[in-house]
């Protein structure tokens, strides 16, 4: 799975509508409204690199209200949640 983190600048008065529209796109797993230099952060997860262009350039960037995007492609994922879940496999609750 290929993960891209997309920083999204929007028209300020349209942040909620833009976030909802982006969240509905195939390939977008999550959208966060954030503080700082951008308005939204979208996580895009696809199986092939070619799909990144389809999701980000062809659809996400064309959502009405999107002003600009910057995309970062993840090399590896590190998640405490994922590690804890992996170590818990096969462990039954002791009730």
PDB file of N, CA and C in Angstrom:
ATOM      1  N   UNK A   1       0.843  -1.173   0.000  1.00  0.00           N
ATOM      2  CA  UNK A   1       0.000   0.000   0.000  1.00  0.00           C
ATOM      3  C   UNK A   1       0.893   1.243   0.000  1.00  0.00           C
ATOM      4  N   UNK A   2       0.594   2.177  -0.846  1.00  0.00           N
ATOM      5  CA  UNK A   2       1.335   3.438  -0.937  1.00  0.00           C
ATOM      6  C   UNK A   2       0.524   4.508  -0.231  1.00  0.00           C
ATOM      7  N   UNK A   3       1.179   5.237   0.661  1.00  0.00           N
ATOM      8  CA  UNK A   3       0.507   6.291   1.406  1.00  0.00           C
ATOM      9  C   UNK A   3       1.105   7.639   1.026  1.00  0.00           C
ATOM     10  N   UNK A   4       0.229   8.586   0.742  1.00  0.00           N
ATOM     11  CA  UNK A   4       0.648   9.964   0.483  1.00  0.00           C
ATOM     12  C   UNK A   4      -0.051  10.864   1.486  1.00  0.00           C
ATOM     13  N   UNK A   5       0.694  11.815   2.005  1.00  0.00           N
ATOM     14  CA  UNK A   5       0.153  12.823   2.911  1.00  0.00           C
ATOM     15  C   UNK A   5       0.030  14.094   2.083  1.00  0.00           C
ATOM     16  N   UNK A   6      -1.197  14.577   1.936  1.00  0.00           N
ATOM     17  CA  UNK A   6      -1.444  15.728   1.078  1.00  0.00           C
ATOM     18  C   UNK A   6      -1.840  16.918   1.943  1.00  0.00           C
ATOM     19  N   UNK A   7      -1.018  17.970   1.893  1.00  0.00           N
ATOM     20  CA  UNK A   7      -1.310  19.214   2.594  1.00  0.00           C
ATOM     21  C   UNK A   7      -2.165  20.061   1.668  1.00  0.00           C
ATOM     22  N   UNK A   8      -3.317  20.497   2.151  1.00  0.00           N
ATOM     23  CA  UNK A   8      -4.290  21.165   1.292  1.00  0.00           C
ATOM     24  C   UNK A   8      -4.577  22.574   1.797  1.00  0.00           C
ATOM     25  N   UNK A   9      -4.380  23.533   0.931  1.00  0.00           N
ATOM     26  CA  UNK A   9      -4.769  24.925   1.198  1.00  0.00           C
ATOM     27  C   UNK A   9      -6.118  25.149   0.524  1.00  0.00           C
ATOM     28  N   UNK A  10      -7.078  25.702   1.259  1.00  0.00           N
ATOM     29  CA  UNK A  10      -8.415  25.903   0.721  1.00  0.00           C
ATOM     30  C   UNK A  10      -8.841  27.355   0.818  1.00  0.00           C
ATOM     31  N   UNK A  11      -9.948  27.662   0.176  1.00  0.00           N
ATOM     32  CA  UNK A  11     -10.596  28.942   0.430  1.00  0.00           C
ATOM     33  C   UNK A  11     -11.083  28.871   1.873  1.00  0.00           C
ATOM     34  N   UNK A  12     -10.739  29.866   2.678  1.00  0.00           N
ATOM     35  CA  UNK A  12     -10.966  29.811   4.119  1.00  0.00           C
ATOM     36  C   UNK A  12     -12.426  29.570   4.490  1.00  0.00           C
ATOM     37  N   UNK A  13     -13.336  30.169   3.780  1.00  0.00           N
ATOM     38  CA  UNK A  13     -14.744  30.029   4.135  1.00  0.00           C
ATOM     39  C   UNK A  13     -15.359  28.721   3.653  1.00  0.00           C
ATOM     40  N   UNK A  14     -14.571  27.850   3.021  1.00  0.00           N
ATOM     41  CA  UNK A  14     -15.107  26.596   2.484  1.00  0.00           C
ATOM     42  C   UNK A  14     -14.450  25.356   3.080  1.00  0.00           C
ATOM     43  N   UNK A  15     -13.700  25.507   4.149  1.00  0.00           N
ATOM     44  CA  UNK A  15     -12.943  24.386   4.715  1.00  0.00           C
ATOM     45  C   UNK A  15     -13.828  23.164   4.995  1.00  0.00           C
ATOM     46  N   UNK A  16     -14.954  23.293   5.708  1.00  0.00           N
ATOM     47  CA  UNK A  16     -15.749  22.091   5.995  1.00  0.00           C
ATOM     48  C   UNK A  16     -16.281  21.397   4.733  1.00  0.00           C
ATOM     49  N   UNK A  17     -16.743  22.174   3.762  1.00  0.00           N
ATOM     50  CA  UNK A  17     -17.274  21.588   2.523  1.00  0.00           C
ATOM     51  C   UNK A  17     -16.175  20.921   1.715  1.00  0.00           C
ATOM     52  N   UNK A  18     -15.019  21.546   1.658  1.00  0.00           N
ATOM     53  CA  UNK A  18     -13.893  20.971   0.915  1.00  0.00           C
ATOM     54  C   UNK A  18     -13.433  19.681   1.592  1.00  0.00           C
ATOM     55  N   UNK A  19     -13.338  19.695   2.923  1.00  0.00           N
ATOM     56  CA  UNK A  19     -12.925  18.503   3.659  1.00  0.00           C
ATOM     57  C   UNK A  19     -13.889  17.346   3.400  1.00  0.00           C
ATOM     58  N   UNK A  20     -15.174  17.618   3.438  1.00  0.00           N
ATOM     59  CA  UNK A  20     -16.173  16.569   3.205  1.00  0.00           C
ATOM     60  C   UNK A  20     -16.076  16.024   1.785  1.00  0.00           C
ATOM     61  N   UNK A  21     -15.876  16.905   0.804  1.00  0.00           N
ATOM     62  CA  UNK A  21     -15.767  16.466  -0.592  1.00  0.00           C
ATOM     63  C   UNK A  21     -14.519  15.619  -0.805  1.00  0.00           C
ATOM     64  N   UNK A  22     -13.408  16.011  -0.200  1.00  0.00           N
ATOM     65  CA  UNK A  22     -12.165  15.244  -0.333  1.00  0.00           C
ATOM     66  C   UNK A  22     -12.319  13.885   0.333  1.00  0.00           C
ATOM     67  N   UNK A  23     -12.959  13.841   1.492  1.00  0.00           N
ATOM     68  CA  UNK A  23     -13.142  12.581   2.222  1.00  0.00           C
ATOM     69  C   UNK A  23     -13.959  11.567   1.431  1.00  0.00           C
ATOM     70  N   UNK A  24     -14.789  12.040   0.511  1.00  0.00           N
ATOM     71  CA  UNK A  24     -15.620  11.153  -0.303  1.00  0.00           C
ATOM     72  C   UNK A  24     -14.879  10.545  -1.491  1.00  0.00           C
ATOM     73  N   UNK A  25     -13.692  11.041  -1.803  1.00  0.00           N
ATOM     74  CA  UNK A  25     -12.949  10.549  -2.965  1.00  0.00           C
ATOM     75  C   UNK A  25     -12.401   9.146  -2.713  1.00  0.00           C
ATOM     76  N   UNK A  26     -12.522   8.279  -3.711  1.00  0.00           N
ATOM     77  CA  UNK A  26     -11.901   6.959  -3.623  1.00  0.00           C
ATOM     78  C   UNK A  26     -10.394   7.134  -3.493  1.00  0.00           C
ATOM     79  N   UNK A  27      -9.804   6.416  -2.563  1.00  0.00           N
ATOM     80  CA  UNK A  27      -8.363   6.507  -2.331  1.00  0.00           C
ATOM     81  C   UNK A  27      -8.016   7.393  -1.155  1.00  0.00           C
ATOM     82  N   UNK A  28      -8.936   8.234  -0.720  1.00  0.00           N
ATOM     83  CA  UNK A  28      -8.700   9.097   0.442  1.00  0.00           C
ATOM     84  C   UNK A  28      -9.236   8.372   1.666  1.00  0.00           C
ATOM     85  N   UNK A  29      -8.347   8.103   2.634  1.00  0.00           N
ATOM     86  CA  UNK A  29      -8.786   7.368   3.820  1.00  0.00           C
ATOM     87  C   UNK A  29      -9.192   8.287   4.958  1.00  0.00           C
ATOM     88  N   UNK A  30      -8.556   9.448   5.057  1.00  0.00           N
ATOM     89  CA  UNK A  30      -8.840  10.364   6.160  1.00  0.00           C
ATOM     90  C   UNK A  30      -8.552  11.792   5.719  1.00  0.00           C
ATOM     91  N   UNK A  31      -9.288  12.722   6.328  1.00  0.00           N
ATOM     92  CA  UNK A  31      -9.032  14.154   6.124  1.00  0.00           C
ATOM     93  C   UNK A  31      -9.097  14.825   7.484  1.00  0.00           C
ATOM     94  N   UNK A  32      -8.090  15.632   7.786  1.00  0.00           N
ATOM     95  CA  UNK A  32      -8.028  16.340   9.055  1.00  0.00           C
ATOM     96  C   UNK A  32      -8.031  17.843   8.819  1.00  0.00           C
ATOM     97  N   UNK A  33      -8.819  18.558   9.586  1.00  0.00           N
ATOM     98  CA  UNK A  33      -8.748  20.014   9.633  1.00  0.00           C
ATOM     99  C   UNK A  33      -7.697  20.335  10.690  1.00  0.00           C
ATOM    100  N   UNK A  34      -6.710  21.158  10.334  1.00  0.00           N
ATOM    101  CA  UNK A  34      -5.563  21.360  11.218  1.00  0.00           C
ATOM    102  C   UNK A  34      -5.219  22.838  11.384  1.00  0.00           C
ATOM    103  N   UNK A  35      -4.393  23.115  12.374  1.00  0.00           N
ATOM    104  CA  UNK A  35      -3.847  24.457  12.540  1.00  0.00           C
ATOM    105  C   UNK A  35      -2.505  24.509  11.824  1.00  0.00           C
ATOM    106  N   UNK A  36      -1.993  25.710  11.631  1.00  0.00           N
ATOM    107  CA  UNK A  36      -0.676  25.856  11.014  1.00  0.00           C
ATOM    108  C   UNK A  36      -0.767  26.439   9.622  1.00  0.00           C
ATOM    109  N   UNK A  37       0.172  26.077   8.792  1.00  0.00           N
ATOM    110  CA  UNK A  37       0.308  26.668   7.471  1.00  0.00           C
ATOM    111  C   UNK A  37      -0.632  26.142   6.408  1.00  0.00           C
ATOM    112  N   UNK A  38      -1.368  25.087   6.703  1.00  0.00           N
ATOM    113  CA  UNK A  38      -2.342  24.542   5.749  1.00  0.00           C
ATOM    114  C   UNK A  38      -3.680  24.382   6.454  1.00  0.00           C
ATOM    115  N   UNK A  39      -4.715  24.178   5.667  1.00  0.00           N
ATOM    116  CA  UNK A  39      -6.059  24.046   6.236  1.00  0.00           C
ATOM    117  C   UNK A  39      -6.453  22.600   6.500  1.00  0.00           C
ATOM    118  N   UNK A  40      -6.039  21.698   5.606  1.00  0.00           N
ATOM    119  CA  UNK A  40      -6.421  20.295   5.704  1.00  0.00           C
ATOM    120  C   UNK A  40      -5.219  19.403   5.436  1.00  0.00           C
ATOM    121  N   UNK A  41      -5.247  18.220   6.028  1.00  0.00           N
ATOM    122  CA  UNK A  41      -4.292  17.171   5.677  1.00  0.00           C
ATOM    123  C   UNK A  41      -5.109  15.953   5.287  1.00  0.00           C
ATOM    124  N   UNK A  42      -4.857  15.442   4.086  1.00  0.00           N
ATOM    125  CA  UNK A  42      -5.561  14.263   3.588  1.00  0.00           C
ATOM    126  C   UNK A  42      -4.576  13.110   3.478  1.00  0.00           C
ATOM    127  N   UNK A  43      -5.009  11.929   3.903  1.00  0.00           N
ATOM    128  CA  UNK A  43      -4.206  10.727   3.730  1.00  0.00           C
ATOM    129  C   UNK A  43      -4.773   9.948   2.554  1.00  0.00           C
ATOM    130  N   UNK A  44      -3.912   9.711   1.588  1.00  0.00           N
ATOM    131  CA  UNK A  44      -4.304   8.980   0.389  1.00  0.00           C
ATOM    132  C   UNK A  44      -3.587   7.638   0.423  1.00  0.00           C
ATOM    133  N   UNK A  45      -4.356   6.564   0.271  1.00  0.00           N
ATOM    134  CA  UNK A  45      -3.775   5.217   0.272  1.00  0.00           C
ATOM    135  C   UNK A  45      -4.216   4.496  -0.992  1.00  0.00           C
ATOM    136  N   UNK A  46      -3.223   4.108  -1.802  1.00  0.00           N
ATOM    137  CA  UNK A  46      -3.495   3.427  -3.074  1.00  0.00           C
ATOM    138  C   UNK A  46      -2.549   2.240  -3.223  1.00  0.00           C
ATOM    139  N   UNK A  47      -2.847   1.378  -4.181  1.00  0.00           N
ATOM    140  CA  UNK A  47      -2.026   0.192  -4.397  1.00  0.00           C
ATOM    141  C   UNK A  47      -0.873   0.433  -5.374  1.00  0.00           C
ATOM    142  N   UNK A  48      -1.057   1.344  -6.330  1.00  0.00           N
ATOM    143  CA  UNK A  48      -0.032   1.593  -7.349  1.00  0.00           C
ATOM    144  C   UNK A  48       0.296   3.080  -7.418  1.00  0.00           C
ATOM    145  N   UNK A  49       1.540   3.388  -7.756  1.00  0.00           N
ATOM    146  CA  UNK A  49       1.958   4.787  -7.872  1.00  0.00           C
ATOM    147  C   UNK A  49       1.109   5.563  -8.877  1.00  0.00           C
ATOM    148  N   UNK A  50       0.719   4.899  -9.949  1.00  0.00           N
ATOM    149  CA  UNK A  50      -0.068   5.571 -10.988  1.00  0.00           C
ATOM    150  C   UNK A  50      -1.383   6.115 -10.433  1.00  0.00           C
ATOM    151  N   UNK A  51      -1.906   5.445  -9.416  1.00  0.00           N
ATOM    152  CA  UNK A  51      -3.165   5.875  -8.818  1.00  0.00           C
ATOM    153  C   UNK A  51      -3.032   7.192  -8.054  1.00  0.00           C
ATOM    154  N   UNK A  52      -1.821   7.524  -7.618  1.00  0.00           N
ATOM    155  CA  UNK A  52      -1.628   8.791  -6.910  1.00  0.00           C
ATOM    156  C   UNK A  52      -2.021   9.969  -7.792  1.00  0.00           C
ATOM    157  N   UNK A  53      -1.609   9.932  -9.044  1.00  0.00           N
ATOM    158  CA  UNK A  53      -1.955  11.017  -9.963  1.00  0.00           C
ATOM    159  C   UNK A  53      -3.461  11.078 -10.182  1.00  0.00           C
ATOM    160  N   UNK A  54      -4.096   9.914 -10.285  1.00  0.00           N
ATOM    161  CA  UNK A  54      -5.540   9.892 -10.487  1.00  0.00           C
ATOM    162  C   UNK A  54      -6.271  10.510  -9.298  1.00  0.00           C
ATOM    163  N   UNK A  55      -5.864  10.140  -8.088  1.00  0.00           N
ATOM    164  CA  UNK A  55      -6.554  10.625  -6.895  1.00  0.00           C
ATOM    165  C   UNK A  55      -6.214  12.085  -6.620  1.00  0.00           C
ATOM    166  N   UNK A  56      -4.923  12.421  -6.629  1.00  0.00           N
ATOM    167  CA  UNK A  56      -4.504  13.759  -6.194  1.00  0.00           C
ATOM    168  C   UNK A  56      -4.649  14.796  -7.303  1.00  0.00           C
ATOM    169  N   UNK A  57      -3.989  14.580  -8.424  1.00  0.00           N
ATOM    170  CA  UNK A  57      -4.012  15.592  -9.494  1.00  0.00           C
ATOM    171  C   UNK A  57      -5.343  15.634 -10.237  1.00  0.00           C
ATOM    172  N   UNK A  58      -5.909  14.467 -10.514  1.00  0.00           N
ATOM    173  CA  UNK A  58      -7.119  14.430 -11.324  1.00  0.00           C
ATOM    174  C   UNK A  58      -8.401  14.701 -10.546  1.00  0.00           C
ATOM    175  N   UNK A  59      -8.405  14.387  -9.243  1.00  0.00           N
ATOM    176  CA  UNK A  59      -9.658  14.566  -8.494  1.00  0.00           C
ATOM    177  C   UNK A  59      -9.518  15.522  -7.314  1.00  0.00           C
ATOM    178  N   UNK A  60      -8.603  15.239  -6.390  1.00  0.00           N
ATOM    179  CA  UNK A  60      -8.501  16.052  -5.181  1.00  0.00           C
ATOM    180  C   UNK A  60      -8.199  17.509  -5.502  1.00  0.00           C
ATOM    181  N   UNK A  61      -7.222  17.728  -6.343  1.00  0.00           N
ATOM    182  CA  UNK A  61      -6.819  19.105  -6.649  1.00  0.00           C
ATOM    183  C   UNK A  61      -7.913  19.872  -7.383  1.00  0.00           C
ATOM    184  N   UNK A  62      -8.878  19.168  -7.947  1.00  0.00           N
ATOM    185  CA  UNK A  62      -9.952  19.827  -8.700  1.00  0.00           C
ATOM    186  C   UNK A  62     -11.231  20.014  -7.887  1.00  0.00           C
ATOM    187  N   UNK A  63     -11.203  19.647  -6.613  1.00  0.00           N
ATOM    188  CA  UNK A  63     -12.367  19.875  -5.753  1.00  0.00           C
ATOM    189  C   UNK A  63     -12.569  21.385  -5.626  1.00  0.00           C
ATOM    190  N   UNK A  64     -13.779  21.884  -5.860  1.00  0.00           N
ATOM    191  CA  UNK A  64     -14.018  23.323  -5.722  1.00  0.00           C
ATOM    192  C   UNK A  64     -13.635  23.814  -4.321  1.00  0.00           C
ATOM    193  N   UNK A  65     -12.845  24.872  -4.274  1.00  0.00           N
ATOM    194  CA  UNK A  65     -12.386  25.425  -3.008  1.00  0.00           C
ATOM    195  C   UNK A  65     -10.948  25.078  -2.675  1.00  0.00           C
ATOM    196  N   UNK A  66     -10.368  24.077  -3.372  1.00  0.00           N
ATOM    197  CA  UNK A  66      -8.956  23.748  -3.165  1.00  0.00           C
ATOM    198  C   UNK A  66      -8.125  24.792  -3.890  1.00  0.00           C
ATOM    199  N   UNK A  67      -7.216  25.422  -3.167  1.00  0.00           N
ATOM    200  CA  UNK A  67      -6.355  26.456  -3.738  1.00  0.00           C
ATOM    201  C   UNK A  67      -5.000  25.889  -4.146  1.00  0.00           C
ATOM    202  N   UNK A  68      -4.430  25.005  -3.295  1.00  0.00           N
ATOM    203  CA  UNK A  68      -3.108  24.457  -3.572  1.00  0.00           C
ATOM    204  C   UNK A  68      -2.927  23.173  -2.766  1.00  0.00           C
ATOM    205  N   UNK A  69      -2.036  22.312  -3.248  1.00  0.00           N
ATOM    206  CA  UNK A  69      -1.688  21.095  -2.513  1.00  0.00           C
ATOM    207  C   UNK A  69      -0.188  20.872  -2.546  1.00  0.00           C
ATOM    208  N   UNK A  70       0.303  20.222  -1.522  1.00  0.00           N
ATOM    209  CA  UNK A  70       1.678  19.745  -1.468  1.00  0.00           C
ATOM    210  C   UNK A  70       1.603  18.300  -1.027  1.00  0.00           C
ATOM    211  N   UNK A  71       2.279  17.420  -1.755  1.00  0.00           N
ATOM    212  CA  UNK A  71       2.171  15.992  -1.486  1.00  0.00           C
ATOM    213  C   UNK A  71       3.498  15.437  -0.995  1.00  0.00           C
ATOM    214  N   UNK A  72       3.405  14.629   0.071  1.00  0.00           N
ATOM    215  CA  UNK A  72       4.547  13.902   0.617  1.00  0.00           C
ATOM    216  C   UNK A  72       4.222  12.418   0.530  1.00  0.00           C
ATOM    217  N   UNK A  73       5.128  11.635  -0.056  1.00  0.00           N
ATOM    218  CA  UNK A  73       4.913  10.196  -0.167  1.00  0.00           C
ATOM    219  C   UNK A  73       5.684   9.508   0.958  1.00  0.00           C
ATOM    220  N   UNK A  74       5.000   8.632   1.677  1.00  0.00           N
ATOM    221  CA  UNK A  74       5.610   7.937   2.813  1.00  0.00           C
ATOM    222  C   UNK A  74       6.483   6.788   2.326  1.00  0.00           C
ATOM    223  N   UNK A  75       7.671   6.668   2.916  1.00  0.00           N
ATOM    224  CA  UNK A  75       8.546   5.529   2.642  1.00  0.00           C
ATOM    225  C   UNK A  75       8.165   4.341   3.512  1.00  0.00           C
ATOM    226  N   UNK A  76       7.974   4.619   4.811  1.00  0.00           N
ATOM    227  CA  UNK A  76       7.623   3.587   5.783  1.00  0.00           C
ATOM    228  C   UNK A  76       6.599   4.158   6.749  1.00  0.00           C
ATOM    229  N   UNK A  77       5.854   3.262   7.368  1.00  0.00           N
ATOM    230  CA  UNK A  77       4.895   3.681   8.390  1.00  0.00           C
ATOM    231  C   UNK A  77       5.330   3.111   9.735  1.00  0.00           C
ATOM    232  N   UNK A  78       5.333   3.951  10.737  1.00  0.00           N
ATOM    233  CA  UNK A  78       5.640   3.543  12.102  1.00  0.00           C
ATOM    234  C   UNK A  78       4.443   3.940  12.954  1.00  0.00           C
ATOM    235  N   UNK A  79       3.854   2.967  13.619  1.00  0.00           N
ATOM    236  CA  UNK A  79       2.655   3.247  14.386  1.00  0.00           C
ATOM    237  C   UNK A  79       2.645   2.422  15.654  1.00  0.00           C
ATOM    238  N   UNK A  80       2.559   3.071  16.771  1.00  0.00           N
ATOM    239  CA  UNK A  80       2.468   2.367  18.048  1.00  0.00           C
ATOM    240  C   UNK A  80       1.223   1.485  18.061  1.00  0.00           C
ATOM    241  N   UNK A  81       0.128   1.993  17.521  1.00  0.00           N
ATOM    242  CA  UNK A  81      -1.115   1.231  17.469  1.00  0.00           C
ATOM    243  C   UNK A  81      -0.927  -0.065  16.688  1.00  0.00           C
ATOM    244  N   UNK A  82      -0.290   0.013  15.539  1.00  0.00           N
ATOM    245  CA  UNK A  82      -0.076  -1.171  14.712  1.00  0.00           C
ATOM    246  C   UNK A  82       0.822  -2.181  15.415  1.00  0.00           C
ATOM    247  N   UNK A  83       1.862  -1.695  16.095  1.00  0.00           N
ATOM    248  CA  UNK A  83       2.761  -2.598  16.806  1.00  0.00           C
ATOM    249  C   UNK A  83       2.043  -3.296  17.947  1.00  0.00           C
ATOM    250  N   UNK A  84       1.243  -2.551  18.713  1.00  0.00           N
ATOM    251  CA  UNK A  84       0.506  -3.156  19.819  1.00  0.00           C
ATOM    252  C   UNK A  84      -0.484  -4.195  19.309  1.00  0.00           C
ATOM    253  N   UNK A  85      -1.149  -3.913  18.190  1.00  0.00           N
ATOM    254  CA  UNK A  85      -2.111  -4.857  17.618  1.00  0.00           C
ATOM    255  C   UNK A  85      -1.398  -6.128  17.165  1.00  0.00           C
ATOM    256  N   UNK A  86      -0.220  -5.989  16.577  1.00  0.00           N
ATOM    257  CA  UNK A  86       0.519  -7.150  16.096  1.00  0.00           C
ATOM    258  C   UNK A  86       0.944  -8.043  17.258  1.00  0.00           C
ATOM    259  N   UNK A  87       1.408  -7.440  18.366  1.00  0.00           N
ATOM    260  CA  UNK A  87       1.832  -8.230  19.519  1.00  0.00           C
ATOM    261  C   UNK A  87       0.653  -8.857  20.246  1.00  0.00           C
ATOM    262  N   UNK A  88      -0.534  -8.329  20.052  1.00  0.00           N
ATOM    263  CA  UNK A  88      -1.720  -8.844  20.724  1.00  0.00           C
ATOM    264  C   UNK A  88      -2.376  -9.996  19.964  1.00  0.00           C
ATOM    265  N   UNK A  89      -1.923 -10.285  18.761  1.00  0.00           N
ATOM    266  CA  UNK A  89      -2.508 -11.377  17.989  1.00  0.00           C
ATOM    267  C   UNK A  89      -2.391 -12.689  18.756  1.00  0.00           C
ATOM    268  N   UNK A  90      -3.494 -13.398  18.851  1.00  0.00           N
ATOM    269  CA  UNK A  90      -3.493 -14.685  19.514  1.00  0.00           C
ATOM    270  C   UNK A  90      -3.606 -14.614  21.019  1.00  0.00           C
ATOM    271  N   UNK A  91      -3.606 -13.421  21.563  1.00  0.00           N
ATOM    272  CA  UNK A  91      -3.729 -13.265  23.011  1.00  0.00           C
ATOM    273  C   UNK A  91      -5.208 -13.119  23.350  1.00  0.00           C
ATOM    274  N   UNK A  92      -5.668 -13.964  24.249  1.00  0.00           N
ATOM    275  CA  UNK A  92      -7.062 -13.902  24.642  1.00  0.00           C
ATOM    276  C   UNK A  92      -7.188 -13.119  25.947  1.00  0.00           C
ATOM    277  N   UNK A  93      -8.316 -12.432  26.104  1.00  0.00           N
ATOM    278  CA  UNK A  93      -8.572 -11.706  27.338  1.00  0.00           C
ATOM    279  C   UNK A  93      -8.697 -12.693  28.485  1.00  0.00           C
ATOM    280  N   UNK A  94      -8.086 -12.362  29.593  1.00  0.00           N
ATOM    281  CA  UNK A  94      -8.167 -13.216  30.781  1.00  0.00           C
ATOM    282  C   UNK A  94      -9.275 -12.683  31.674  1.00  0.00           C
ATOM    283  N   UNK A  95     -10.484 -13.109  31.390  1.00  0.00           N
ATOM    284  CA  UNK A  95     -11.634 -12.674  32.206  1.00  0.00           C
ATOM    285  C   UNK A  95     -12.033 -13.726  33.182  1.00  0.00           C
TER     286      UNK A  95
END
